[in-house]
Amino acid sequence: MGVELIASELKTYIGIDVGGTNSRFALIDGDGRIIERKRQPTEINLGRERFLERFFSGIDGMRREAAAVGREVCAIGAGVPGLISGEGLIYSSVNLTPIEGLNLRDLICEATGLPAVVVNDANASAWGEKRYGAGRPFGSLLMFTLGTGVGSGLVLDGKLWTGIDGVAGEYGHATVEPEGIPCTCGNRGCLEQYASASALVAAAVKALGKGENGALAELSPAGITTERIAAAAAKGDPLAGALFERAGRYLGIAAAAAVNLLNLEAIILGGGVSASFDLLAEPMRREIARRAFAIPAGRVKIIQCELGDDAGILGAAGFMGTDQ
C-alpha cells in the first residue's frame, strides 16, 4: 500500500476515521502532528449517496483548511470498519452496509486526484500506535481496540500484516467459548461477546437480573455503562470487579494463542474500554502465563495505548509514504 510522494518540507495528509455514527477528519504533517481536525455525522442511515456527499465534503473542508495555513494536501488515508481489501474494496461492514461493494480508495483518487489508501479501522489504529504511539519500540505487536466490539491489528517485522486478501487480523472473532454466546458474525463464542463494551454491559444487566447486589443494582439497565461499571470496580464493588476480571481473562485466553503462535513483543489495549487498563491487564497476564509457553509468555508486554481516539486517524494517514 506504499505510495511514492513528492519531496516537501510541508508534506500534509488527511487522515479519516469513519464510524457508524460520526466520522473524524484531520490534517496531519509528516511527523504525525495534527494540524487541524473536525468531526461530522456519517449519515450512513440516509444511504450511499448521502454518505459519499458528506464524506467528500469533509475532505474538501480539510483541503481548504490546509490552504488557509499555507499547506497542500499530498495524500489521503481512511480507516473504515469492516473487511477491506488491500485495494480499498469494502467487502463487508456491519455498521456501513450501504457502502459494501464500493472501492472507496478508487473513488477518493478519482474525486481528489490524490493518492489514497483505505484500510480497516482497527488496522489503522494498530499502525498509528506503531508509528507514533505505544508501539514504537516493538517490531511485532497485536493491538486490541475494545469498544462496542473488539477490533484488532497485527504488526509483524515492523509491517502491518493483512493477509493475502487484506482481511487478516480479525481477532475479535477468535473463538474463546466453542458453544458460547452467538455473535453477529455468525459464529458462537467470539472474543467480542466477552470483552467488548457491549459484552460488559450485557453481562452486568444479566447478573443484576439474577438478583446480584452492589453499586450497580442502584442503576436501571439503561443506566449501566462501562464507565459506571469501571467506577464501581475501582471502589471495590465485587460484581463490577468480577465483570472486568472475566473480560480480562477472555482477552488472555485469546492472546495466549497469538503469543504461542507469533512470539509477540507486545499486546496493546486501545479503545474506550482500555481506559480501565488496570482492571484488565492483570487477569490477561495471569491467563497468558497459565496457557502460553514460558519463553513467549515472559517476553510479551501488555501495555496501554498512547494515542487514544487519535490512533485511527494518525494510522490511516501514516500509511502514506510507507512501504505497506
C-alpha atoms as a PDB file:
ATOM      1  CA  MET A   1       0.000   0.000   0.000  1.00  0.00           C
ATOM      2  CA  GLY A   2       3.023   2.290  -0.144  1.00  0.00           C
ATOM      3  CA  VAL A   3       2.706   5.478  -2.178  1.00  0.00           C
ATOM      4  CA  GLU A   4       5.659   7.449  -3.502  1.00  0.00           C
ATOM      5  CA  LEU A   5       5.113  11.103  -2.696  1.00  0.00           C
ATOM      6  CA  ILE A   6       6.753  14.359  -3.734  1.00  0.00           C
ATOM      7  CA  ALA A   7       9.574  15.606  -1.503  1.00  0.00           C
ATOM      8  CA  SER A   8       8.415  18.540   0.581  1.00  0.00           C
ATOM      9  CA  GLU A   9       9.107  20.089   3.950  1.00  0.00           C
ATOM     10  CA  LEU A  10       5.383  20.697   4.259  1.00  0.00           C
ATOM     11  CA  LYS A  11       4.012  17.249   3.470  1.00  0.00           C
ATOM     12  CA  THR A  12       0.437  17.236   4.696  1.00  0.00           C
ATOM     13  CA  TYR A  13      -2.007  14.348   4.770  1.00  0.00           C
ATOM     14  CA  ILE A  14      -5.672  13.920   5.510  1.00  0.00           C
ATOM     15  CA  GLY A  15      -6.432  11.150   7.987  1.00  0.00           C
ATOM     16  CA  ILE A  16     -10.028   9.928   8.248  1.00  0.00           C
ATOM     17  CA  ASP A  17     -11.661   7.645  10.803  1.00  0.00           C
ATOM     18  CA  VAL A  18     -15.116   6.607   9.558  1.00  0.00           C
ATOM     19  CA  GLY A  19     -17.533   5.484  12.257  1.00  0.00           C
ATOM     20  CA  GLY A  20     -21.111   4.273  12.119  1.00  0.00           C
ATOM     21  CA  THR A  21     -22.357   7.492  13.754  1.00  0.00           C
ATOM     22  CA  ASN A  22     -19.603  10.074  13.310  1.00  0.00           C
ATOM     23  CA  SER A  23     -16.559  10.472  11.088  1.00  0.00           C
ATOM     24  CA  ARG A  24     -13.384  12.267  12.099  1.00  0.00           C
ATOM     25  CA  PHE A  25     -11.110  14.166   9.720  1.00  0.00           C
ATOM     26  CA  ALA A  26      -7.671  15.587  10.463  1.00  0.00           C
ATOM     27  CA  LEU A  27      -4.827  17.401   8.744  1.00  0.00           C
ATOM     28  CA  ILE A  28      -1.592  15.683   9.734  1.00  0.00           C
ATOM     29  CA  ASP A  29       2.001  16.620   8.993  1.00  0.00           C
ATOM     30  CA  GLY A  30       4.800  14.229   8.065  1.00  0.00           C
ATOM     31  CA  ASP A  31       5.814  13.799  11.715  1.00  0.00           C
ATOM     32  CA  GLY A  32       2.357  12.759  12.857  1.00  0.00           C
ATOM     33  CA  ARG A  33       1.315  16.089  14.333  1.00  0.00           C
ATOM     34  CA  ILE A  34      -2.346  17.015  13.979  1.00  0.00           C
ATOM     35  CA  ILE A  35      -2.702  20.481  12.483  1.00  0.00           C
ATOM     36  CA  GLU A  36      -6.485  20.699  12.330  1.00  0.00           C
ATOM     37  CA  ARG A  37      -9.382  18.361  12.998  1.00  0.00           C
ATOM     38  CA  LYS A  38     -13.148  18.140  12.765  1.00  0.00           C
ATOM     39  CA  ARG A  39     -15.946  15.680  13.410  1.00  0.00           C
ATOM     40  CA  GLN A  40     -19.166  15.337  11.449  1.00  0.00           C
ATOM     41  CA  PRO A  41     -22.137  12.934  11.242  1.00  0.00           C
ATOM     42  CA  THR A  42     -21.518   9.950   8.957  1.00  0.00           C
ATOM     43  CA  GLU A  43     -25.219   9.842   7.963  1.00  0.00           C
ATOM     44  CA  ILE A  44     -24.972   6.284   6.713  1.00  0.00           C
ATOM     45  CA  ASN A  45     -28.650   5.801   7.570  1.00  0.00           C
ATOM     46  CA  LEU A  46     -29.502   8.144   4.685  1.00  0.00           C
ATOM     47  CA  GLY A  47     -27.907   5.849   2.120  1.00  0.00           C
ATOM     48  CA  ARG A  48     -24.813   5.540  -0.019  1.00  0.00           C
ATOM     49  CA  GLU A  49     -25.132   8.799  -1.957  1.00  0.00           C
ATOM     50  CA  ARG A  50     -25.598  10.907   1.169  1.00  0.00           C
ATOM     51  CA  PHE A  51     -22.670   9.163   2.844  1.00  0.00           C
ATOM     52  CA  LEU A  52     -20.383   9.922  -0.095  1.00  0.00           C
ATOM     53  CA  GLU A  53     -21.614  13.509  -0.284  1.00  0.00           C
ATOM     54  CA  ARG A  54     -20.772  14.068   3.391  1.00  0.00           C
ATOM     55  CA  PHE A  55     -17.508  12.142   3.126  1.00  0.00           C
ATOM     56  CA  PHE A  56     -16.157  14.210   0.245  1.00  0.00           C
ATOM     57  CA  SER A  57     -17.459  17.406   1.840  1.00  0.00           C
ATOM     58  CA  GLY A  58     -15.257  16.562   4.811  1.00  0.00           C
ATOM     59  CA  ILE A  59     -12.239  16.042   2.557  1.00  0.00           C
ATOM     60  CA  ASP A  60     -12.889  19.327   0.745  1.00  0.00           C
ATOM     61  CA  GLY A  61     -13.121  21.105   4.093  1.00  0.00           C
ATOM     62  CA  MET A  62      -9.753  19.745   5.173  1.00  0.00           C
ATOM     63  CA  ARG A  63      -8.140  20.823   1.901  1.00  0.00           C
ATOM     64  CA  ARG A  64      -9.466  24.341   2.446  1.00  0.00           C
ATOM     65  CA  GLU A  65      -8.077  24.312   5.981  1.00  0.00           C
ATOM     66  CA  ALA A  66      -4.695  23.233   4.597  1.00  0.00           C
ATOM     67  CA  ALA A  67      -4.687  26.050   2.048  1.00  0.00           C
ATOM     68  CA  ALA A  68      -5.531  28.549   4.785  1.00  0.00           C
ATOM     69  CA  VAL A  69      -2.311  27.674   6.627  1.00  0.00           C
ATOM     70  CA  GLY A  70      -0.150  27.569   3.504  1.00  0.00           C
ATOM     71  CA  ARG A  71      -0.085  23.795   3.042  1.00  0.00           C
ATOM     72  CA  GLU A  72      -1.142  21.478   0.255  1.00  0.00           C
ATOM     73  CA  VAL A  73      -2.550  18.026   0.890  1.00  0.00           C
ATOM     74  CA  CYS A  74      -0.494  15.362  -0.874  1.00  0.00           C
ATOM     75  CA  ALA A  75      -2.341  12.144   0.079  1.00  0.00           C
ATOM     76  CA  ILE A  76      -5.337  10.768   1.980  1.00  0.00           C
ATOM     77  CA  GLY A  77      -5.748   7.760   4.275  1.00  0.00           C
ATOM     78  CA  ALA A  78      -9.057   6.459   5.618  1.00  0.00           C
ATOM     79  CA  GLY A  79      -9.893   3.834   8.230  1.00  0.00           C
ATOM     80  CA  VAL A  80     -13.252   2.098   7.772  1.00  0.00           C
ATOM     81  CA  PRO A  81     -14.835  -0.626   9.931  1.00  0.00           C
ATOM     82  CA  GLY A  82     -15.208  -3.952   8.144  1.00  0.00           C
ATOM     83  CA  LEU A  83     -13.373  -6.287   5.812  1.00  0.00           C
ATOM     84  CA  ILE A  84     -11.360  -4.143   3.400  1.00  0.00           C
ATOM     85  CA  SER A  85      -9.210  -5.461   0.564  1.00  0.00           C
ATOM     86  CA  GLY A  86      -5.671  -4.248   0.010  1.00  0.00           C
ATOM     87  CA  GLU A  87      -7.000  -2.251  -2.933  1.00  0.00           C
ATOM     88  CA  GLY A  88      -9.640  -0.412  -0.877  1.00  0.00           C
ATOM     89  CA  LEU A  89     -12.686  -2.517  -1.757  1.00  0.00           C
ATOM     90  CA  ILE A  90     -15.172  -2.733   1.115  1.00  0.00           C
ATOM     91  CA  TYR A  91     -16.136  -6.404   1.180  1.00  0.00           C
ATOM     92  CA  SER A  92     -18.442  -6.036   4.176  1.00  0.00           C
ATOM     93  CA  SER A  93     -19.123  -3.600   7.015  1.00  0.00           C
ATOM     94  CA  VAL A  94     -21.716  -4.292   9.686  1.00  0.00           C
ATOM     95  CA  ASN A  95     -22.056  -0.591  10.558  1.00  0.00           C
ATOM     96  CA  LEU A  96     -21.844   0.730   6.995  1.00  0.00           C
ATOM     97  CA  THR A  97     -23.781  -1.757   4.889  1.00  0.00           C
ATOM     98  CA  PRO A  98     -24.874   0.812   2.231  1.00  0.00           C
ATOM     99  CA  ILE A  99     -21.275   1.150   1.044  1.00  0.00           C
ATOM    100  CA  GLU A 100     -20.454  -2.545   0.854  1.00  0.00           C
ATOM    101  CA  GLY A 101     -19.045  -3.363  -2.572  1.00  0.00           C
ATOM    102  CA  LEU A 102     -17.579   0.109  -3.097  1.00  0.00           C
ATOM    103  CA  ASN A 103     -13.924   0.628  -3.846  1.00  0.00           C
ATOM    104  CA  LEU A 104     -13.589   3.698  -1.673  1.00  0.00           C
ATOM    105  CA  ARG A 105      -9.913   4.167  -2.429  1.00  0.00           C
ATOM    106  CA  ASP A 106     -10.587   4.464  -6.162  1.00  0.00           C
ATOM    107  CA  LEU A 107     -13.417   6.906  -5.514  1.00  0.00           C
ATOM    108  CA  ILE A 108     -11.144   9.094  -3.383  1.00  0.00           C
ATOM    109  CA  CYS A 109      -8.407   9.064  -6.006  1.00  0.00           C
ATOM    110  CA  GLU A 110     -10.853   9.934  -8.790  1.00  0.00           C
ATOM    111  CA  ALA A 111     -12.576  12.705  -6.848  1.00  0.00           C
ATOM    112  CA  THR A 112      -9.445  14.367  -5.461  1.00  0.00           C
ATOM    113  CA  GLY A 113      -6.650  13.494  -7.876  1.00  0.00           C
ATOM    114  CA  LEU A 114      -4.565  12.408  -4.875  1.00  0.00           C
ATOM    115  CA  PRO A 115      -3.009   9.098  -3.811  1.00  0.00           C
ATOM    116  CA  ALA A 116      -5.099   7.331  -1.181  1.00  0.00           C
ATOM    117  CA  VAL A 117      -5.369   4.221   0.967  1.00  0.00           C
ATOM    118  CA  VAL A 118      -8.431   2.741   2.661  1.00  0.00           C
ATOM    119  CA  VAL A 119      -7.865   0.229   5.454  1.00  0.00           C
ATOM    120  CA  ASN A 120      -9.724  -1.481   8.267  1.00  0.00           C
ATOM    121  CA  ASP A 121     -10.137   0.942  11.174  1.00  0.00           C
ATOM    122  CA  ALA A 122      -8.520  -1.340  13.770  1.00  0.00           C
ATOM    123  CA  ASN A 123      -5.560  -1.877  11.438  1.00  0.00           C
ATOM    124  CA  ALA A 124      -5.270   1.894  11.152  1.00  0.00           C
ATOM    125  CA  SER A 125      -5.218   2.198  14.947  1.00  0.00           C
ATOM    126  CA  ALA A 126      -2.569  -0.501  15.267  1.00  0.00           C
ATOM    127  CA  TRP A 127      -0.408   1.244  12.678  1.00  0.00           C
ATOM    128  CA  GLY A 128      -0.930   4.592  14.400  1.00  0.00           C
ATOM    129  CA  GLU A 129       0.341   3.172  17.686  1.00  0.00           C
ATOM    130  CA  LYS A 130       3.246   1.503  15.881  1.00  0.00           C
ATOM    131  CA  ARG A 131       4.384   4.661  14.125  1.00  0.00           C
ATOM    132  CA  TYR A 132       3.568   7.337  16.692  1.00  0.00           C
ATOM    133  CA  GLY A 133       2.465   5.767  19.973  1.00  0.00           C
ATOM    134  CA  ALA A 134       2.988   2.910  22.401  1.00  0.00           C
ATOM    135  CA  GLY A 135       4.120   0.504  19.680  1.00  0.00           C
ATOM    136  CA  ARG A 136       7.181   2.445  18.547  1.00  0.00           C
ATOM    137  CA  PRO A 137       9.763   0.278  20.373  1.00  0.00           C
ATOM    138  CA  PHE A 138       8.374  -3.002  19.030  1.00  0.00           C
ATOM    139  CA  GLY A 139       8.763  -4.835  15.743  1.00  0.00           C
ATOM    140  CA  SER A 140       5.848  -7.154  16.459  1.00  0.00           C
ATOM    141  CA  LEU A 141       2.613  -6.415  18.262  1.00  0.00           C
ATOM    142  CA  LEU A 142      -1.076  -7.226  18.422  1.00  0.00           C
ATOM    143  CA  MET A 143      -3.465  -4.386  19.201  1.00  0.00           C
ATOM    144  CA  PHE A 144      -6.970  -4.885  20.552  1.00  0.00           C
ATOM    145  CA  THR A 145      -9.417  -1.994  20.152  1.00  0.00           C
ATOM    146  CA  LEU A 146     -12.042  -2.523  22.839  1.00  0.00           C
ATOM    147  CA  GLY A 147     -15.164  -0.562  22.008  1.00  0.00           C
ATOM    148  CA  THR A 148     -18.680  -1.540  21.006  1.00  0.00           C
ATOM    149  CA  GLY A 149     -16.965  -4.585  19.506  1.00  0.00           C
ATOM    150  CA  VAL A 150     -13.400  -5.897  19.598  1.00  0.00           C
ATOM    151  CA  GLY A 151     -11.193  -4.938  16.684  1.00  0.00           C
ATOM    152  CA  SER A 152      -7.559  -5.864  16.246  1.00  0.00           C
ATOM    153  CA  GLY A 153      -4.500  -5.197  14.137  1.00  0.00           C
ATOM    154  CA  LEU A 154      -1.288  -7.187  13.798  1.00  0.00           C
ATOM    155  CA  VAL A 155       2.199  -5.825  13.123  1.00  0.00           C
ATOM    156  CA  LEU A 156       4.956  -8.303  12.241  1.00  0.00           C
ATOM    157  CA  ASP A 157       8.586  -7.370  11.488  1.00  0.00           C
ATOM    158  CA  GLY A 158       7.617  -3.721  11.540  1.00  0.00           C
ATOM    159  CA  LYS A 159       4.849  -4.032   8.950  1.00  0.00           C
ATOM    160  CA  LEU A 160       1.104  -4.361   9.245  1.00  0.00           C
ATOM    161  CA  TRP A 161       0.059  -7.914   8.409  1.00  0.00           C
ATOM    162  CA  THR A 162      -3.218  -8.001   6.469  1.00  0.00           C
ATOM    163  CA  GLY A 163      -3.011 -11.394   4.765  1.00  0.00           C
ATOM    164  CA  ILE A 164      -3.358 -12.395   1.133  1.00  0.00           C
ATOM    165  CA  ASP A 165      -6.819 -10.827   0.750  1.00  0.00           C
ATOM    166  CA  GLY A 166      -6.221  -7.843   3.015  1.00  0.00           C
ATOM    167  CA  VAL A 167      -8.612  -9.052   5.726  1.00  0.00           C
ATOM    168  CA  ALA A 168      -6.287 -10.619   8.333  1.00  0.00           C
ATOM    169  CA  GLY A 169      -6.247  -9.562  11.972  1.00  0.00           C
ATOM    170  CA  GLU A 170      -9.931 -10.021  12.839  1.00  0.00           C
ATOM    171  CA  TYR A 171      -9.004 -11.462  16.217  1.00  0.00           C
ATOM    172  CA  GLY A 172     -12.097 -10.111  17.907  1.00  0.00           C
ATOM    173  CA  HIS A 173     -13.808 -13.081  16.301  1.00  0.00           C
ATOM    174  CA  ALA A 174     -11.424 -15.685  17.700  1.00  0.00           C
ATOM    175  CA  THR A 175     -13.481 -18.381  19.419  1.00  0.00           C
ATOM    176  CA  VAL A 176     -12.963 -18.377  23.192  1.00  0.00           C
ATOM    177  CA  GLU A 177     -16.069 -20.443  24.059  1.00  0.00           C
ATOM    178  CA  PRO A 178     -16.908 -23.127  21.437  1.00  0.00           C
ATOM    179  CA  GLU A 179     -20.627 -23.210  22.324  1.00  0.00           C
ATOM    180  CA  GLY A 180     -20.756 -19.683  23.669  1.00  0.00           C
ATOM    181  CA  ILE A 181     -22.800 -16.550  23.039  1.00  0.00           C
ATOM    182  CA  PRO A 182     -23.989 -16.167  19.408  1.00  0.00           C
ATOM    183  CA  CYS A 183     -22.105 -13.433  17.557  1.00  0.00           C
ATOM    184  CA  THR A 184     -23.336 -11.122  14.796  1.00  0.00           C
ATOM    185  CA  CYS A 185     -20.622 -12.596  12.538  1.00  0.00           C
ATOM    186  CA  GLY A 186     -22.436 -15.951  12.549  1.00  0.00           C
ATOM    187  CA  ASN A 187     -20.034 -17.729  14.894  1.00  0.00           C
ATOM    188  CA  ARG A 188     -20.540 -18.517  18.581  1.00  0.00           C
ATOM    189  CA  GLY A 189     -18.319 -17.618  21.497  1.00  0.00           C
ATOM    190  CA  CYS A 190     -16.267 -14.897  19.808  1.00  0.00           C
ATOM    191  CA  LEU A 191     -13.955 -12.800  21.987  1.00  0.00           C
ATOM    192  CA  GLU A 192     -16.101  -9.791  21.087  1.00  0.00           C
ATOM    193  CA  GLN A 193     -19.009 -11.316  23.019  1.00  0.00           C
ATOM    194  CA  TYR A 194     -16.946 -11.383  26.238  1.00  0.00           C
ATOM    195  CA  ALA A 195     -14.531  -8.436  26.218  1.00  0.00           C
ATOM    196  CA  SER A 196     -16.235  -5.522  24.430  1.00  0.00           C
ATOM    197  CA  ALA A 197     -18.151  -2.636  25.988  1.00  0.00           C
ATOM    198  CA  SER A 198     -21.382  -4.222  24.794  1.00  0.00           C
ATOM    199  CA  ALA A 199     -20.405  -7.526  26.398  1.00  0.00           C
ATOM    200  CA  LEU A 200     -19.579  -5.911  29.748  1.00  0.00           C
ATOM    201  CA  VAL A 201     -22.902  -4.082  29.849  1.00  0.00           C
ATOM    202  CA  ALA A 202     -24.874  -7.175  28.780  1.00  0.00           C
ATOM    203  CA  ALA A 203     -23.154  -9.287  31.445  1.00  0.00           C
ATOM    204  CA  ALA A 204     -23.913  -6.669  34.112  1.00  0.00           C
ATOM    205  CA  VAL A 205     -27.585  -6.468  33.142  1.00  0.00           C
ATOM    206  CA  LYS A 206     -27.850 -10.262  33.136  1.00  0.00           C
ATOM    207  CA  ALA A 207     -26.230 -10.557  36.571  1.00  0.00           C
ATOM    208  CA  LEU A 208     -28.472  -7.910  38.087  1.00  0.00           C
ATOM    209  CA  GLY A 209     -31.487  -9.645  36.584  1.00  0.00           C
ATOM    210  CA  LYS A 210     -30.486 -12.714  38.576  1.00  0.00           C
ATOM    211  CA  GLY A 211     -30.539 -10.738  41.810  1.00  0.00           C
ATOM    212  CA  GLU A 212     -26.893  -9.709  42.195  1.00  0.00           C
ATOM    213  CA  ASN A 213     -26.430  -6.785  44.594  1.00  0.00           C
ATOM    214  CA  GLY A 214     -23.927  -3.963  44.829  1.00  0.00           C
ATOM    215  CA  ALA A 215     -23.381  -0.466  43.471  1.00  0.00           C
ATOM    216  CA  LEU A 216     -24.713  -1.344  40.011  1.00  0.00           C
ATOM    217  CA  ALA A 217     -28.022  -2.568  41.467  1.00  0.00           C
ATOM    218  CA  GLU A 218     -28.945   1.059  42.084  1.00  0.00           C
ATOM    219  CA  LEU A 219     -28.974   1.732  38.339  1.00  0.00           C
ATOM    220  CA  SER A 220     -31.620   0.936  35.761  1.00  0.00           C
ATOM    221  CA  PRO A 221     -30.483  -1.347  32.926  1.00  0.00           C
ATOM    222  CA  ALA A 222     -30.440   1.692  30.626  1.00  0.00           C
ATOM    223  CA  GLY A 223     -28.139   3.488  33.041  1.00  0.00           C
ATOM    224  CA  ILE A 224     -25.427   0.829  33.079  1.00  0.00           C
ATOM    225  CA  THR A 225     -22.334   1.812  31.082  1.00  0.00           C
ATOM    226  CA  THR A 226     -18.756   0.554  31.004  1.00  0.00           C
ATOM    227  CA  GLU A 227     -17.689   3.788  32.707  1.00  0.00           C
ATOM    228  CA  ARG A 228     -20.049   3.134  35.605  1.00  0.00           C
ATOM    229  CA  ILE A 229     -19.007  -0.499  35.839  1.00  0.00           C
ATOM    230  CA  ALA A 230     -15.356   0.619  35.924  1.00  0.00           C
ATOM    231  CA  ALA A 231     -16.066   3.258  38.579  1.00  0.00           C
ATOM    232  CA  ALA A 232     -17.817   0.660  40.736  1.00  0.00           C
ATOM    233  CA  ALA A 233     -14.953  -1.813  40.240  1.00  0.00           C
ATOM    234  CA  ALA A 234     -12.419   0.832  41.269  1.00  0.00           C
ATOM    235  CA  LYS A 235     -14.352   1.291  44.522  1.00  0.00           C
ATOM    236  CA  GLY A 236     -14.231  -2.423  45.250  1.00  0.00           C
ATOM    237  CA  ASP A 237     -17.711  -3.484  44.090  1.00  0.00           C
ATOM    238  CA  PRO A 238     -17.496  -7.311  43.782  1.00  0.00           C
ATOM    239  CA  LEU A 239     -19.813  -7.678  40.788  1.00  0.00           C
ATOM    240  CA  ALA A 240     -18.153  -4.897  38.779  1.00  0.00           C
ATOM    241  CA  GLY A 241     -14.714  -6.261  39.607  1.00  0.00           C
ATOM    242  CA  ALA A 242     -15.749  -9.762  38.554  1.00  0.00           C
ATOM    243  CA  LEU A 243     -17.033  -8.459  35.216  1.00  0.00           C
ATOM    244  CA  PHE A 244     -13.681  -6.872  34.357  1.00  0.00           C
ATOM    245  CA  GLU A 245     -11.845  -9.934  35.660  1.00  0.00           C
ATOM    246  CA  ARG A 246     -13.912 -12.064  33.285  1.00  0.00           C
ATOM    247  CA  ALA A 247     -13.265  -9.759  30.318  1.00  0.00           C
ATOM    248  CA  GLY A 248      -9.525  -9.710  31.048  1.00  0.00           C
ATOM    249  CA  ARG A 249      -9.469 -13.483  31.366  1.00  0.00           C
ATOM    250  CA  TYR A 250     -11.053 -13.955  27.946  1.00  0.00           C
ATOM    251  CA  LEU A 251      -8.635 -11.446  26.425  1.00  0.00           C
ATOM    252  CA  GLY A 252      -5.842 -13.507  27.948  1.00  0.00           C
ATOM    253  CA  ILE A 253      -7.229 -16.754  26.540  1.00  0.00           C
ATOM    254  CA  ALA A 254      -7.242 -15.269  23.034  1.00  0.00           C
ATOM    255  CA  ALA A 255      -3.903 -13.530  23.495  1.00  0.00           C
ATOM    256  CA  ALA A 256      -2.161 -16.697  24.721  1.00  0.00           C
ATOM    257  CA  ALA A 257      -2.797 -18.439  21.401  1.00  0.00           C
ATOM    258  CA  ALA A 258      -1.353 -15.473  19.493  1.00  0.00           C
ATOM    259  CA  VAL A 259       1.642 -15.333  21.843  1.00  0.00           C
ATOM    260  CA  ASN A 260       2.429 -19.009  21.267  1.00  0.00           C
ATOM    261  CA  LEU A 261       1.936 -18.717  17.523  1.00  0.00           C
ATOM    262  CA  LEU A 262       3.826 -15.484  16.907  1.00  0.00           C
ATOM    263  CA  ASN A 263       6.180 -14.886  19.875  1.00  0.00           C
ATOM    264  CA  LEU A 264       4.989 -11.256  20.013  1.00  0.00           C
ATOM    265  CA  GLU A 265       6.814  -8.431  21.744  1.00  0.00           C
ATOM    266  CA  ALA A 266       3.721  -6.527  22.848  1.00  0.00           C
ATOM    267  CA  ILE A 267      -0.043  -6.526  23.111  1.00  0.00           C
ATOM    268  CA  ILE A 268      -1.590  -3.049  23.141  1.00  0.00           C
ATOM    269  CA  LEU A 269      -5.042  -2.346  24.532  1.00  0.00           C
ATOM    270  CA  GLY A 270      -6.897   0.570  22.910  1.00  0.00           C
ATOM    271  CA  GLY A 271     -10.485   1.736  22.508  1.00  0.00           C
ATOM    272  CA  GLY A 272     -12.868   3.064  25.136  1.00  0.00           C
ATOM    273  CA  VAL A 273     -12.763   0.037  27.437  1.00  0.00           C
ATOM    274  CA  SER A 274      -8.964   0.299  27.624  1.00  0.00           C
ATOM    275  CA  ALA A 275      -9.419   3.306  29.905  1.00  0.00           C
ATOM    276  CA  SER A 276      -9.861   0.563  32.519  1.00  0.00           C
ATOM    277  CA  PHE A 277      -6.476  -0.914  31.626  1.00  0.00           C
ATOM    278  CA  ASP A 278      -5.553  -1.654  35.240  1.00  0.00           C
ATOM    279  CA  LEU A 279      -8.674  -3.804  35.653  1.00  0.00           C
ATOM    280  CA  LEU A 280      -7.952  -5.844  32.506  1.00  0.00           C
ATOM    281  CA  ALA A 281      -4.182  -6.206  32.348  1.00  0.00           C
ATOM    282  CA  GLU A 282      -3.574  -8.390  35.398  1.00  0.00           C
ATOM    283  CA  PRO A 283      -6.148 -11.102  34.552  1.00  0.00           C
ATOM    284  CA  MET A 284      -4.771 -11.043  30.996  1.00  0.00           C
ATOM    285  CA  ARG A 285      -1.230 -11.589  32.267  1.00  0.00           C
ATOM    286  CA  ARG A 286      -2.305 -14.442  34.526  1.00  0.00           C
ATOM    287  CA  GLU A 287      -4.135 -16.203  31.710  1.00  0.00           C
ATOM    288  CA  ILE A 288      -1.237 -15.808  29.276  1.00  0.00           C
ATOM    289  CA  ALA A 289       1.175 -17.170  31.881  1.00  0.00           C
ATOM    290  CA  ARG A 290      -1.161 -20.089  32.501  1.00  0.00           C
ATOM    291  CA  ARG A 291      -1.760 -21.007  28.850  1.00  0.00           C
ATOM    292  CA  ALA A 292       1.303 -19.950  26.817  1.00  0.00           C
ATOM    293  CA  PHE A 293       4.822 -21.352  26.832  1.00  0.00           C
ATOM    294  CA  ALA A 294       7.118 -19.685  29.332  1.00  0.00           C
ATOM    295  CA  ILE A 295       9.507 -18.077  26.826  1.00  0.00           C
ATOM    296  CA  PRO A 296       6.930 -16.178  24.689  1.00  0.00           C
ATOM    297  CA  ALA A 297       4.738 -15.521  27.741  1.00  0.00           C
ATOM    298  CA  GLY A 298       7.689 -13.977  29.560  1.00  0.00           C
ATOM    299  CA  ARG A 299       8.646 -11.905  26.525  1.00  0.00           C
ATOM    300  CA  VAL A 300       5.319 -10.261  25.675  1.00  0.00           C
ATOM    301  CA  LYS A 301       4.409  -6.948  27.290  1.00  0.00           C
ATOM    302  CA  ILE A 302       0.817  -5.846  27.849  1.00  0.00           C
ATOM    303  CA  ILE A 303       0.605  -2.081  27.521  1.00  0.00           C
ATOM    304  CA  GLN A 304      -1.986   0.648  27.189  1.00  0.00           C
ATOM    305  CA  CYS A 305      -2.336   2.697  24.017  1.00  0.00           C
ATOM    306  CA  GLU A 306      -0.913   6.230  23.984  1.00  0.00           C
ATOM    307  CA  LEU A 307      -2.863   7.901  21.195  1.00  0.00           C
ATOM    308  CA  GLY A 308      -6.446   7.313  22.353  1.00  0.00           C
ATOM    309  CA  ASP A 309      -9.055   8.248  19.761  1.00  0.00           C
ATOM    310  CA  ASP A 310      -6.361   9.715  17.502  1.00  0.00           C
ATOM    311  CA  ALA A 311      -4.741   6.349  16.766  1.00  0.00           C
ATOM    312  CA  GLY A 312      -7.032   5.656  13.806  1.00  0.00           C
ATOM    313  CA  ILE A 313      -6.665   8.967  12.008  1.00  0.00           C
ATOM    314  CA  LEU A 314      -2.911   9.062  12.597  1.00  0.00           C
ATOM    315  CA  GLY A 315      -2.530   5.482  11.443  1.00  0.00           C
ATOM    316  CA  ALA A 316      -4.618   5.983   8.322  1.00  0.00           C
ATOM    317  CA  ALA A 317      -2.520   8.976   7.333  1.00  0.00           C
ATOM    318  CA  GLY A 318       0.638   7.162   8.423  1.00  0.00           C
ATOM    319  CA  PHE A 319       0.240   4.539   5.692  1.00  0.00           C
ATOM    320  CA  MET A 320       1.073   7.185   3.113  1.00  0.00           C
ATOM    321  CA  GLY A 321       4.701   7.160   2.108  1.00  0.00           C
ATOM    322  CA  THR A 322       5.456   3.907   3.972  1.00  0.00           C
ATOM    323  CA  ASP A 323       6.258   0.525   2.495  1.00  0.00           C
ATOM    324  CA  GLN A 324       2.912  -1.103   3.284  1.00  0.00           C
END
